[in-house]
Protein backbone atom coordinates (compact mmCIF):
# COMPACT_ATOMS: atom_id res chain seq x y z
CA MET A 1 -5.30 0.97 5.36
CA SER A 2 -7.37 3.80 3.91
CA VAL A 3 -8.13 5.03 0.43
CA ARG A 4 -4.98 7.06 0.60
CA ARG A 5 -3.00 3.97 1.65
CA ARG A 6 -4.29 1.92 -1.16
CA PHE A 7 -3.74 4.65 -3.72
CA ARG A 8 -6.90 5.76 -5.44
CA LEU A 9 -7.95 4.97 -8.96
CA LEU A 10 -6.20 1.63 -9.06
CA ALA A 11 -5.89 0.15 -12.50
CA LEU A 12 -3.74 -2.89 -11.85
CA VAL A 13 -3.99 -6.37 -10.36
CA THR A 14 -1.29 -8.65 -9.05
CA ALA A 15 -3.01 -11.92 -8.26
CA LEU A 16 -1.72 -15.45 -7.89
CA CYS A 17 -5.11 -17.09 -7.46
CA THR A 18 -7.83 -15.90 -9.81
CA GLY A 19 -10.61 -17.49 -11.74
CA VAL A 20 -13.17 -16.61 -14.35
CA ALA A 21 -14.15 -12.95 -14.55
CA GLY A 22 -11.93 -12.00 -11.62
CA LEU A 23 -13.54 -14.38 -9.10
CA PRO A 24 -11.33 -16.45 -6.84
CA ALA A 25 -10.20 -19.77 -8.21
CA CYS A 26 -11.38 -21.30 -4.92
CA ALA A 27 -15.03 -21.70 -5.77
CA PRO A 28 -17.52 -22.25 -2.94
CA ASP A 29 -18.19 -25.79 -4.03
CA GLY A 30 -14.66 -26.85 -3.23
CA GLY A 31 -12.75 -26.31 -6.46
CA GLY A 32 -9.59 -24.27 -7.01
CA SER A 33 -6.19 -24.10 -5.45
CA GLN A 34 -6.37 -21.24 -2.98
CA ALA A 35 -4.26 -21.73 0.13
CA GLY A 36 -5.95 -21.36 3.46
CA PRO A 37 -9.55 -21.70 4.62
CA THR A 38 -12.43 -22.11 2.17
CA ALA A 39 -16.15 -22.87 2.48
CA THR A 40 -18.70 -24.62 0.30
CA CYS A 41 -21.96 -22.97 -0.62
CA ALA A 42 -23.82 -25.24 1.76
CA GLU A 43 -21.46 -24.30 4.57
CA LEU A 44 -21.91 -20.58 3.94
CA ALA A 45 -25.70 -20.90 3.97
CA GLU A 46 -25.62 -23.01 7.13
CA GLN A 47 -23.33 -20.63 9.00
CA TYR A 48 -24.78 -17.30 7.93
CA GLY A 49 -28.36 -18.22 7.04
CA SER A 50 -30.57 -18.10 3.95
CA PHE A 51 -32.38 -14.85 3.30
CA PRO A 52 -35.43 -14.14 1.12
CA ALA A 53 -35.05 -12.67 -2.34
CA GLY A 54 -34.63 -8.92 -2.30
CA THR A 55 -32.62 -8.82 0.95
CA THR A 56 -30.00 -6.11 0.51
CA VAL A 57 -27.13 -4.80 2.63
CA THR A 58 -25.45 -1.57 1.55
CA VAL A 59 -21.76 -1.09 2.28
CA ALA A 60 -20.14 2.35 2.15
CA THR A 61 -16.45 2.14 1.20
CA SER A 62 -13.65 4.22 -0.24
CA PHE A 63 -13.05 1.55 -2.88
CA THR A 64 -13.05 2.60 -6.52
CA GLY A 65 -11.90 1.06 -9.78
CA VAL A 66 -10.16 -2.29 -9.51
CA GLU A 67 -10.28 -2.19 -5.75
CA ALA A 68 -14.07 -2.05 -5.88
CA GLU A 69 -14.05 -4.97 -8.32
CA ARG A 70 -11.89 -6.95 -5.93
CA PHE A 71 -14.27 -6.33 -3.05
CA ASN A 72 -17.28 -7.32 -5.12
CA ALA A 73 -15.50 -10.50 -6.20
CA SER A 74 -14.68 -11.31 -2.59
CA VAL A 75 -18.36 -11.33 -1.54
CA ALA A 76 -19.87 -12.85 -4.70
CA ASP A 77 -19.98 -16.40 -3.31
CA PHE A 78 -21.51 -15.26 -0.03
CA SER A 79 -24.28 -13.41 -1.87
CA ARG A 80 -25.03 -16.32 -4.15
CA CYS A 81 -25.17 -18.82 -1.31
CA THR A 82 -27.10 -16.77 1.29
CA GLY A 83 -29.38 -14.68 -0.92
CA VAL A 84 -28.10 -11.38 0.51
CA THR A 85 -27.36 -8.82 -2.19
CA ILE A 86 -24.38 -6.70 -1.12
CA VAL A 87 -24.45 -3.25 -2.73
CA GLN A 88 -21.15 -1.45 -2.45
CA ASN A 89 -21.24 2.34 -2.54
CA GLY A 90 -17.61 3.21 -3.20
CA SER A 91 -16.52 6.83 -3.13
CA ASP A 92 -13.36 8.89 -2.81
CA GLU A 93 -15.50 11.18 -0.63
CA LEU A 94 -16.27 8.57 2.01
CA GLU A 95 -14.34 10.35 4.76
CA ASN A 96 -16.23 13.59 4.08
CA GLN A 97 -19.53 11.69 3.99
CA LEU A 98 -18.78 10.12 7.36
CA ARG A 99 -17.78 13.46 8.83
CA ALA A 100 -21.15 14.75 7.64
CA GLU A 101 -22.65 12.04 9.81
CA LEU A 102 -20.82 13.59 12.75
CA GLY A 103 -22.62 16.84 12.09
CA GLY A 104 -25.97 15.15 11.74
CA SER A 105 -26.48 16.21 8.12
CA ALA A 106 -26.35 12.74 6.58
CA THR A 107 -29.16 10.33 7.41
CA ASP A 108 -29.03 7.23 5.21
CA LEU A 109 -25.48 6.60 4.05
CA ALA A 110 -25.43 2.77 4.27
CA ASP A 111 -26.05 -0.20 6.54
CA ILE A 112 -22.36 -0.78 7.24
CA ALA A 113 -19.16 1.00 6.30
CA VAL A 114 -15.45 0.34 5.90
CA VAL A 115 -13.75 3.22 7.71
CA PRO A 116 -10.23 4.21 6.69
CA GLN A 117 -8.99 5.33 10.13
CA PRO A 118 -9.68 4.06 13.66
CA GLY A 119 -9.68 7.68 14.89
CA LEU A 120 -12.77 8.28 12.77
CA VAL A 121 -14.38 5.18 14.31
CA THR A 122 -13.97 6.81 17.71
CA ASP A 123 -15.47 10.08 16.48
CA LEU A 124 -18.49 8.29 14.97
CA ALA A 125 -19.10 6.22 18.10
CA ARG A 126 -18.96 9.19 20.46
CA HIS A 127 -21.42 11.07 18.27
CA GLY A 128 -23.80 8.10 18.34
CA ARG A 129 -23.58 7.55 14.58
CA ILE A 130 -22.58 3.87 14.72
CA VAL A 131 -23.77 0.98 16.87
CA PRO A 132 -21.72 -1.60 18.80
CA LEU A 133 -20.76 -4.61 16.72
CA PRO A 134 -22.60 -7.92 17.11
CA GLU A 135 -21.19 -10.63 19.35
CA ALA A 136 -20.26 -12.86 16.41
CA VAL A 137 -18.14 -10.10 14.88
CA GLY A 138 -16.40 -9.54 18.20
CA ALA A 139 -15.66 -13.25 18.48
CA ASN A 140 -14.12 -13.31 14.98
CA THR A 141 -12.00 -10.28 15.84
CA GLU A 142 -10.73 -11.72 19.10
CA LEU A 143 -9.90 -15.02 17.44
CA GLY A 144 -8.14 -13.67 14.37
CA TRP A 145 -6.43 -10.41 15.37
CA ASP A 146 -3.91 -9.31 17.98
CA ARG A 147 -5.19 -6.96 20.65
CA ILE A 148 -3.42 -3.90 19.26
CA TRP A 149 -5.79 -4.13 16.27
CA SER A 150 -9.00 -4.84 18.18
CA ASP A 151 -8.22 -2.25 20.86
CA ALA A 152 -8.00 0.41 18.14
CA GLY A 153 -11.65 -0.32 17.32
CA ARG A 154 -12.88 -0.07 20.93
CA VAL A 155 -14.49 3.04 22.38
CA ASP A 156 -15.02 3.14 26.14
CA GLY A 157 -14.51 -0.63 26.24
CA GLU A 158 -17.10 -1.41 23.54
CA LEU A 159 -16.15 -2.81 20.12
CA TYR A 160 -17.37 -0.40 17.44
CA GLY A 161 -14.83 -1.13 14.71
CA ALA A 162 -13.54 -4.53 13.56
CA PRO A 163 -10.20 -4.66 11.70
CA LEU A 164 -10.83 -5.77 8.14
CA MET A 165 -7.64 -5.32 6.07
CA ALA A 166 -4.12 -4.40 6.99
CA SER A 167 -1.00 -2.98 5.42
CA LEU A 168 2.62 -2.93 6.53
CA LYS A 169 3.83 0.62 6.01
CA SER A 170 7.54 0.29 6.90
CA PHE A 171 8.73 -0.91 3.50
CA ILE A 172 11.40 0.71 1.35
CA TRP A 173 10.74 -0.31 -2.25
CA TYR A 174 13.78 -0.71 -4.50
CA SER A 175 15.16 -2.75 -7.39
CA PRO A 176 17.48 -5.63 -6.47
CA VAL A 177 18.73 -5.53 -10.06
CA ALA A 178 19.65 -1.85 -9.95
CA PHE A 179 21.28 -2.25 -6.54
CA GLU A 180 23.42 -5.18 -7.68
CA ARG A 181 24.50 -3.50 -10.88
CA ALA A 182 25.53 -0.35 -9.03
CA GLY A 183 27.19 -2.19 -6.15
CA TYR A 184 24.71 -0.96 -3.54
CA GLU A 185 23.72 -3.11 -0.57
CA VAL A 186 20.46 -3.13 1.33
CA PRO A 187 21.05 -1.16 4.56
CA THR A 188 20.49 -2.89 7.89
CA THR A 189 20.85 0.18 10.16
CA TRP A 190 19.68 3.76 9.99
CA ASP A 191 23.28 4.96 9.62
CA GLU A 192 23.74 2.63 6.65
CA LEU A 193 20.59 4.07 5.10
CA VAL A 194 21.99 7.58 5.47
CA GLU A 195 25.32 6.47 3.98
CA LEU A 196 23.60 4.79 1.03
CA THR A 197 21.55 7.92 0.36
CA ASP A 198 24.65 10.08 0.34
CA ARG A 199 26.48 7.63 -1.91
CA VAL A 200 23.71 7.50 -4.52
CA ALA A 201 23.56 11.29 -4.61
CA ALA A 202 27.35 11.52 -4.93
CA ASP A 203 27.38 8.91 -7.71
CA HIS A 204 24.95 11.02 -9.76
CA PRO A 205 25.94 14.67 -9.27
CA ASP A 206 24.05 15.62 -12.42
CA GLY A 207 20.77 14.60 -10.76
CA SER A 208 20.01 11.96 -13.37
CA VAL A 209 19.26 9.48 -10.57
CA ALA A 210 17.98 10.48 -7.13
CA PRO A 211 18.22 8.30 -4.03
CA TRP A 212 14.53 8.81 -3.25
CA CYS A 213 11.09 9.34 -4.70
CA LEU A 214 8.26 10.62 -2.51
CA GLY A 215 4.92 10.95 -4.32
CA ALA A 216 2.95 13.02 -1.80
CA ALA A 217 0.15 14.27 -4.08
CA ASP A 218 -3.31 12.72 -3.59
CA GLY A 219 -5.95 15.40 -4.14
CA ALA A 220 -7.67 16.43 -0.92
CA THR A 221 -5.55 13.96 1.08
CA THR A 222 -2.19 15.19 -0.21
CA GLY A 223 0.52 14.81 2.41
CA TRP A 224 -0.22 11.41 3.91
CA PRO A 225 3.06 9.90 2.59
CA VAL A 226 4.93 12.62 4.48
CA SER A 227 2.96 11.75 7.61
CA ASP A 228 3.91 8.09 7.10
CA TRP A 229 7.56 9.12 6.89
CA LEU A 230 7.29 11.14 10.12
CA GLU A 231 5.66 8.30 12.03
CA ASP A 232 7.90 5.55 10.69
CA GLY A 233 10.98 7.72 11.14
CA LEU A 234 10.08 8.53 14.74
CA LEU A 235 9.58 4.82 15.41
CA ALA A 236 12.87 3.84 13.75
CA ILE A 237 15.03 6.61 15.21
CA HIS A 238 13.61 7.03 18.72
CA GLY A 239 11.93 3.67 19.41
CA THR A 240 8.56 2.46 20.61
CA GLY A 241 8.54 4.34 23.93
CA ALA A 242 8.92 7.75 22.31
CA TYR A 243 6.46 6.79 19.56
CA ASP A 244 3.80 5.65 22.02
CA GLN A 245 4.03 8.86 24.03
CA TRP A 246 3.69 10.96 20.90
CA ALA A 247 0.94 8.88 19.28
CA SER A 248 -1.18 8.88 22.45
CA HIS A 249 -0.65 12.63 22.94
CA ASP A 250 1.13 12.17 26.24
CA VAL A 251 3.51 14.66 24.68
CA PRO A 252 2.32 17.31 22.21
CA VAL A 253 2.39 16.82 18.47
CA ASP A 254 5.18 19.38 18.26
CA ALA A 255 7.30 17.74 20.97
CA PRO A 256 11.08 17.93 20.44
CA VAL A 257 11.22 14.23 19.51
CA ALA A 258 8.89 14.85 16.54
CA VAL A 259 10.68 18.03 15.49
CA SER A 260 14.06 16.28 15.53
CA THR A 261 12.60 13.43 13.45
CA LEU A 262 11.42 15.85 10.80
CA ASP A 263 14.83 17.50 10.77
CA SER A 264 16.48 14.08 10.27
CA LEU A 265 14.10 13.34 7.40
CA ASP A 266 14.85 16.71 5.86
CA SER A 267 18.53 15.83 5.53
CA LEU A 268 17.84 12.23 4.46
CA LEU A 269 14.96 12.68 2.05
CA LEU A 270 14.63 16.30 0.98
CA ALA A 271 18.18 17.62 0.82
CA LYS A 272 19.31 18.91 -2.58
CA GLY A 273 19.81 16.03 -4.98
CA HIS A 274 18.13 13.48 -2.70
CA VAL A 275 14.56 13.38 -4.04
CA ALA A 276 13.31 13.12 -7.62
CA GLY A 277 11.82 16.43 -8.76
CA GLY A 278 13.22 18.37 -5.82
CA ARG A 279 11.04 19.47 -2.90
CA ALA A 280 8.27 20.97 -5.01
CA GLY A 281 8.26 18.15 -7.54
CA ALA A 282 8.17 15.47 -4.86
CA VAL A 283 5.12 17.04 -3.24
CA SER A 284 3.22 17.37 -6.52
CA MET A 285 4.14 13.87 -7.74
CA THR A 286 1.50 11.17 -7.22
CA MET A 287 2.27 7.68 -5.97
CA GLU A 288 1.54 6.33 -9.43
CA GLU A 289 4.11 8.70 -10.92
CA ALA A 290 6.58 7.90 -8.17
CA GLY A 291 6.17 4.20 -8.91
CA ALA A 292 6.94 4.80 -12.57
CA GLU A 293 10.03 6.79 -11.58
CA LEU A 294 11.21 3.96 -9.35
CA VAL A 295 10.78 1.38 -12.10
CA SER A 296 12.52 3.62 -14.66
CA GLY A 297 15.50 4.08 -12.35
CA ALA A 298 15.01 7.84 -11.91
CA CYS A 299 15.05 7.12 -8.18
CA LEU A 300 16.29 4.05 -6.35
CA MET A 301 14.20 3.96 -3.15
CA LEU A 302 10.63 4.81 -2.13
CA HIS A 303 8.92 4.49 1.26
CA ALA A 304 5.49 2.89 0.80
CA SER A 305 3.20 0.23 2.22
CA SER A 306 2.82 -3.39 1.20
CA SER A 307 -0.05 -2.40 -1.13
CA PHE A 308 2.24 -0.24 -3.26
CA GLU A 309 2.56 -3.00 -5.84
CA THR A 310 -0.95 -2.16 -7.04
CA VAL A 311 0.17 1.13 -8.61
CA LEU A 312 3.35 -0.07 -10.28
CA PRO A 313 3.41 0.12 -14.11
CA PRO A 314 2.05 -2.92 -15.94
CA GLY A 315 4.82 -5.41 -16.65
CA THR A 316 6.71 -4.68 -13.45
CA THR A 317 7.91 -7.82 -11.70
CA VAL A 318 7.66 -7.94 -7.90
CA THR A 319 10.22 -10.35 -6.41
CA ASP A 320 11.78 -11.32 -3.13
CA ALA A 321 15.04 -9.71 -2.00
CA ASP A 322 17.03 -12.14 -4.15
CA GLY A 323 15.19 -11.11 -7.29
CA ALA A 324 13.44 -14.52 -7.39
CA HIS A 325 9.87 -15.82 -7.27
CA GLY A 326 8.70 -12.93 -9.39
CA VAL A 327 5.06 -12.06 -10.01
CA THR A 328 4.33 -9.71 -12.90
CA VAL A 329 1.92 -6.83 -12.42
CA SER A 330 -0.98 -7.14 -14.87
CA ALA A 331 -2.86 -4.42 -16.67
CA SER A 332 -6.39 -5.62 -15.94
CA PRO A 333 -8.21 -7.59 -13.24
CA THR A 334 -8.96 -10.44 -15.61
CA GLU A 335 -5.31 -10.98 -16.51
CA ALA A 336 -4.17 -13.49 -13.94
CA ALA A 337 -0.59 -14.14 -13.05
CA SER A 338 -1.46 -17.78 -12.59
CA THR A 339 0.74 -19.30 -15.33
CA PRO A 340 -1.59 -19.74 -18.32
CA ALA A 341 -0.09 -19.90 -21.79
CA GLY A 342 3.51 -19.40 -20.93
CA GLN A 343 3.29 -16.74 -18.26
CA PRO A 344 5.97 -16.75 -15.57
CA ASN A 345 5.13 -19.09 -12.68
CA GLY A 346 7.67 -17.92 -10.17
CA ALA A 347 11.38 -17.43 -9.83
CA GLY A 348 11.83 -17.25 -13.53
CA GLU A 349 10.69 -20.78 -14.23
CA PRO A 350 9.83 -21.27 -17.88
CA THR A 351 6.42 -22.10 -19.24
CA PRO A 352 5.69 -23.04 -22.84
CA ALA A 353 5.82 -20.86 -25.90
CA GLY A 354 9.00 -18.99 -25.24
CA GLN A 355 7.91 -17.09 -22.21
CA PRO A 356 10.17 -15.65 -19.54
CA ASP A 357 12.83 -17.77 -17.83
CA ASP A 358 14.19 -15.21 -15.37
CA ALA A 359 12.11 -12.64 -13.57
CA GLY A 360 9.85 -12.14 -16.52
CA GLN A 361 12.50 -11.96 -19.24
CA SER A 362 12.25 -14.01 -22.41
CA ASN A 363 14.92 -16.17 -24.06
CA GLY A 364 13.20 -18.39 -26.51
CA ALA A 365 10.69 -18.77 -29.30
CA GLY A 366 12.44 -16.37 -31.55
CA GLU A 367 13.35 -13.82 -28.89
CA PRO A 368 16.90 -12.45 -28.96
CA GLY A 369 19.29 -14.09 -26.49
CA GLU A 370 22.21 -11.68 -26.80
CA ALA A 371 23.40 -8.47 -28.38
CA GLY A 372 22.11 -6.21 -25.72
CA GLN A 373 18.98 -8.06 -24.80
CA PRO A 374 18.34 -8.78 -21.12
CA ASP A 375 19.97 -12.04 -20.00
CA GLU A 376 19.02 -12.02 -16.33
CA ALA A 377 16.27 -10.12 -14.59
CA GLY A 378 16.40 -7.39 -17.18
CA ARG A 379 20.15 -6.80 -17.03
CA SER A 380 21.79 -5.77 -20.27
CA ASP A 381 25.24 -6.93 -21.18
CA ASP A 382 26.40 -5.11 -24.29
CA ALA A 383 25.52 -3.67 -27.68
CA GLY A 384 24.85 -0.16 -26.62
CA GLU A 385 22.80 -0.88 -23.56
CA PRO A 386 23.57 0.94 -20.34
CA ASP A 387 26.37 -0.52 -18.19
CA ASP A 388 25.64 1.51 -15.10
CA VAL A 389 22.52 2.61 -13.30
CA GLY A 390 21.12 5.82 -14.62
CA GLN A 391 23.23 6.04 -17.75
CA PRO A 392 21.47 7.32 -20.85
CA THR A 393 20.26 5.10 -23.64
CA PRO A 394 20.85 6.05 -27.26
CA ALA A 395 18.75 7.26 -30.10
CA GLY A 396 15.99 9.34 -28.71
CA ASP A 397 15.57 7.83 -25.27
CA PRO A 398 15.12 10.26 -22.40
CA ASP A 399 18.39 11.98 -21.51
CA ASN A 400 17.70 12.34 -17.82
CA ALA A 401 16.51 9.09 -16.27
CA GLY A 402 13.17 9.13 -18.02
CA TRP A 403 12.27 12.71 -17.20
CA ALA A 404 10.41 14.84 -19.69
CA PRO A 405 12.74 17.28 -21.51
CA SER A 406 10.69 20.40 -20.91
CA GLU A 407 8.27 22.02 -18.52
CA GLY A 408 4.65 22.74 -19.19
CA THR A 409 1.72 20.41 -19.47
CA PRO A 410 1.65 17.61 -16.89
CA SER A 411 2.50 14.18 -18.20
CA GLU A 412 -0.29 11.86 -19.20
CA GLY A 413 -2.11 10.62 -16.17
CA ALA A 414 -0.90 13.40 -13.90
CA ALA A 415 -3.30 15.65 -12.10
CA SER A 416 -3.72 19.16 -13.38
CA GLY A 417 -0.96 21.39 -12.12
CA ALA A 418 0.97 18.44 -10.75
CA TYR A 419 4.52 17.28 -11.16
CA THR A 420 5.63 17.48 -14.77
CA GLY A 421 8.88 15.57 -14.72
CA ALA A 422 7.50 12.02 -14.73
CA PRO A 423 7.86 9.78 -17.77
CA ALA A 424 5.77 10.89 -20.71
CA SER A 425 3.12 8.30 -19.94
CA THR A 426 2.86 6.30 -16.77
CA ALA A 427 0.32 3.99 -18.35
CA THR A 428 2.55 3.10 -21.27
CA ALA A 429 5.89 2.98 -19.49
CA THR A 430 8.23 0.33 -20.87
CA PRO A 431 7.54 -2.87 -18.94
CA THR A 432 11.20 -3.73 -18.49
CA PRO A 433 13.27 -0.52 -18.29
CA VAL A 434 17.00 -1.00 -18.75
CA ARG A 435 18.08 0.35 -15.38
CA THR A 436 16.02 -1.96 -13.20
CA GLY A 437 14.87 -4.66 -15.55
CA GLY A 438 11.37 -3.82 -14.36
CA VAL A 439 12.15 -5.76 -11.17
CA VAL A 440 11.30 -4.37 -7.73
CA SER A 441 11.19 -5.65 -4.18
CA ALA A 442 11.12 -4.14 -0.69
CA PHE A 443 13.09 -4.13 2.56
CA LEU A 444 12.10 -2.89 6.00
CA LEU A 445 13.08 0.61 7.06
CA PRO A 446 16.03 -0.07 9.37
CA ALA A 447 15.99 1.19 12.94
CA VAL A 448 18.74 3.00 14.81
CA GLU A 449 18.86 0.30 17.49
CA THR A 450 20.09 -2.97 16.05
CA ASP A 451 20.26 -5.17 19.14
CA SER A 452 16.56 -5.99 19.19
CA THR A 453 15.24 -9.16 17.60
CA SER A 454 12.85 -7.29 15.34
CA ASN A 455 12.54 -3.83 13.88
CA PRO A 456 9.39 -2.06 15.01
CA VAL A 457 7.01 -1.70 12.07
CA LEU A 458 4.30 0.83 11.27
CA VAL A 459 0.94 -0.53 10.13
CA GLY A 460 -2.42 0.72 8.95
CA GLY A 461 -5.84 -0.81 8.57
CA ASP A 462 -9.48 -0.45 7.53
CA TYR A 463 -12.24 -0.94 10.12
CA LEU A 464 -15.74 -2.32 9.66
CA VAL A 465 -18.52 -0.41 11.44
CA ALA A 466 -22.30 -0.77 11.68
CA LEU A 467 -24.45 2.25 10.89
CA LYS A 468 -27.65 0.23 11.32
CA ALA A 469 -28.57 -3.06 12.98
CA SER A 470 -30.25 -5.92 11.11
CA ASP A 471 -29.96 -9.70 10.82
CA ALA A 472 -28.70 -9.44 7.25
CA ALA A 473 -26.10 -6.81 8.18
CA THR A 474 -24.92 -9.04 11.04
CA ALA A 475 -24.51 -11.95 8.62
CA VAL A 476 -22.51 -9.82 6.19
CA MET A 477 -20.26 -8.42 8.92
CA SER A 478 -19.71 -11.89 10.38
CA TYR A 479 -18.60 -13.13 6.97
CA LEU A 480 -16.35 -10.13 6.32
CA THR A 481 -14.53 -10.71 9.61
CA SER A 482 -14.12 -14.46 9.00
CA PRO A 483 -10.86 -16.13 7.89
CA VAL A 484 -12.64 -17.45 4.79
CA TRP A 485 -13.35 -13.94 3.52
CA ALA A 486 -9.89 -12.72 4.55
CA GLN A 487 -8.24 -15.55 2.60
CA THR A 488 -10.38 -14.87 -0.46
CA ARG A 489 -9.63 -11.16 -0.38
CA LEU A 490 -5.90 -11.80 0.12
CA SER A 491 -5.79 -13.99 -2.96
CA LEU A 492 -7.26 -11.22 -5.13
CA GLY A 493 -4.25 -8.97 -4.55
CA GLY A 494 -3.43 -5.52 -3.26
CA VAL A 495 -3.59 -6.30 0.46
CA ALA A 496 -1.73 -8.11 3.20
CA SER A 497 -3.43 -9.76 6.17
CA ALA A 498 -2.79 -9.70 9.92
CA ASN A 499 -5.54 -12.29 10.52
CA HIS A 500 -4.03 -15.36 12.19
CA GLY A 501 -6.52 -17.62 10.43
CA VAL A 502 -5.11 -16.74 7.00
CA ASP A 503 -2.32 -18.48 5.10
CA ALA A 504 0.20 -15.81 4.09
CA ALA A 505 1.29 -17.96 1.14
CA GLY A 506 -1.97 -17.01 -0.57
CA ALA A 507 -0.91 -13.36 -0.93
CA SER A 508 -0.36 -11.88 -4.36
CA SER A 509 3.44 -11.42 -4.40
CA PRO A 510 6.58 -12.20 -2.40
CA VAL A 511 6.39 -8.74 -0.79
CA ALA A 512 2.72 -9.17 0.17
CA GLN A 513 3.50 -12.64 1.51
CA GLU A 514 6.36 -11.32 3.64
CA ALA A 515 4.19 -8.45 4.86
CA SER A 516 1.49 -10.90 5.92
CA ARG A 517 4.01 -13.10 7.73
CA ILE A 518 5.36 -10.09 9.63
CA LEU A 519 1.86 -8.84 10.47
CA GLN A 520 0.81 -12.27 11.74
CA SER A 521 3.95 -12.96 13.78
CA ARG A 522 3.59 -12.76 17.54
CA GLN A 523 7.22 -11.63 17.68
CA SER A 524 6.68 -8.54 15.51
CA VAL A 525 6.74 -5.17 17.23
CA VAL A 526 3.75 -3.41 15.65
CA ARG A 527 2.51 0.15 15.98
CA ILE A 528 -0.59 1.57 14.28
CA ASP A 529 -0.26 4.70 12.16
CA ALA A 530 -0.56 7.59 14.64
CA SER A 531 -2.33 10.03 12.32
CA ASP A 532 -5.04 7.40 11.76
CA MET A 533 -5.51 7.10 15.53
CA MET A 534 -5.63 10.84 16.21
CA PRO A 535 -8.88 12.80 16.13
CA SER A 536 -9.68 13.23 12.46
CA ALA A 537 -9.57 17.02 12.81
CA VAL A 538 -5.88 16.67 13.67
CA GLY A 539 -4.44 13.65 11.90
CA THR A 540 -6.20 13.81 8.56
CA GLN A 541 -7.39 17.39 8.25
CA VAL A 542 -4.56 19.56 9.56
CA MET A 543 -1.37 17.54 9.91
CA TRP A 544 -1.23 16.27 6.32
CA GLY A 545 -1.56 19.80 4.98
CA ALA A 546 0.98 21.21 7.44
CA LEU A 547 3.50 18.50 6.58
CA THR A 548 2.94 19.16 2.88
CA LYS A 549 3.96 22.79 3.46
CA TRP A 550 7.02 21.59 5.37
CA ALA A 551 8.04 19.21 2.60
CA ARG A 552 7.61 21.96 0.03
CA GLY A 553 9.88 24.22 2.09
CA GLU A 554 7.11 26.65 3.05
CA ALA A 555 7.08 25.88 6.78
CA SER A 556 9.67 24.88 9.35
CA SER A 557 9.42 21.57 11.17
CA VAL A 558 8.42 23.48 14.33
CA ALA A 559 5.70 25.50 12.58
CA ALA A 560 4.22 22.49 10.76
CA LEU A 561 3.87 20.40 13.91
CA ALA A 562 2.66 23.36 15.95
CA ALA A 563 -0.23 23.75 13.50
CA ALA A 564 -1.28 20.15 14.12
CA GLU A 565 -0.98 20.58 17.88
CA ALA A 566 -3.17 23.69 17.74
CA ALA A 567 -5.92 21.63 16.08
CA TRP A 568 -6.06 19.09 18.91
CA PRO A 569 -9.45 19.20 20.67
CA LYS A 570 -9.15 21.06 23.96
CA ASN A 571 -11.08 18.32 25.76
CA GLY A 572 -8.94 15.54 24.29
């Protein structure tokens, strides 16, 4: 999972286990209720050592905003108990900074780094810019992670990158409420997904509701969601054998199997009436804007990873597929979803003071119980409220599924020159829109072949590397690759975990819990994001841009993939 996978400039938290000032409720001295492994302060000091005052380890990351706060919270106990001050240097420019290391122009970036792609780990190792990981880190990796993850961090048989965090990328986010109200069913095969897409488009010929949102815009890394679609689509349509050949470059990037996948995605995702904003709007829409469109009901499906919940509008409720066990997205890292003062505690169970009794909806303490107010998971029953997905609301509400009525200045929160059809303000979007009730969940992208026991799933991950060697850096890396740290970080929200030493029940939402269970299962068929494994000059520098042109309609599927193939190193 990279900065692009976690969606930059996060402003939200969805945590089940939090404590004072954003620290985990599972304090190092044994308090709290966090599921999974914990350690006391004495145990941390005994295992990792006590260091003299002033000992500092610098960590270069792509973490900014709330994500940086989460990382700092996850290492606070370790620092206090061992004496090692961990200084995080988070930057959206981390990938460029690391590539500068490849050219020899950067000399003192950090002691260790969290690298967003394993392909970049390989580049750094072969240029002599990182050192092999200590034995203790290798032992943690072998114990906690399946070989597909650890092998991605090996270069010429030596472990240079240790998997740190993971995401499941094969999710289709949707609203169970909107689906039920419209009579749509979650597809279980690729053909059913195609049929559902066509039906949604046919049900809304005026374009008020689109089957899909995309959200491809992300500054210098624009296009990665399209790359995710290509990789996941190839895996779902053609299977693991074809995917492995393509990902390992046994066949060229522009092989017929990849071209045909793009053509299939063109008809599924980008055909007229299928994507919110049309081709151009979908490419210039950010993931944050796409999330707001999904919650408003302007689109009904969106392909995104398990960490997508972190960019949903505040007040959105993330549930399981039955619309139960909801966790409400908060607006700040100090607002826990841990049931204080009447907050929902799961599956709509009431807490005091008239707080929600069904997926975050309220029914007591003076709140209306009828006459158009939501009575179940945000569903309206009468009194002028919509009775079908995507129908307009009266008296000044948007007349086209929450889209702005005119062109011109981008909506609040949008990047300059970006998509202008998103709701007027993503940050202030109504917490419980009428079409979805503010309730979302996710299902796995279905595969063409249905006779296998498990759909193959696409995954991504961050990798820990050592730029310098020191005893303090070894202690920090050993802790970061331990199940105790992984459990603590999981509880803070925004990530899933493939570490077998972690209790998936400690994840921040039903979707994150399910993602962690799938990632940890020995029966899951897992494939790492191919663009992350490719040489960075191909996967992250050329292919994303070429696929952006394709999605916009400026390049054919053949031309886009040929551009990526042309960038492949001649010796690789």
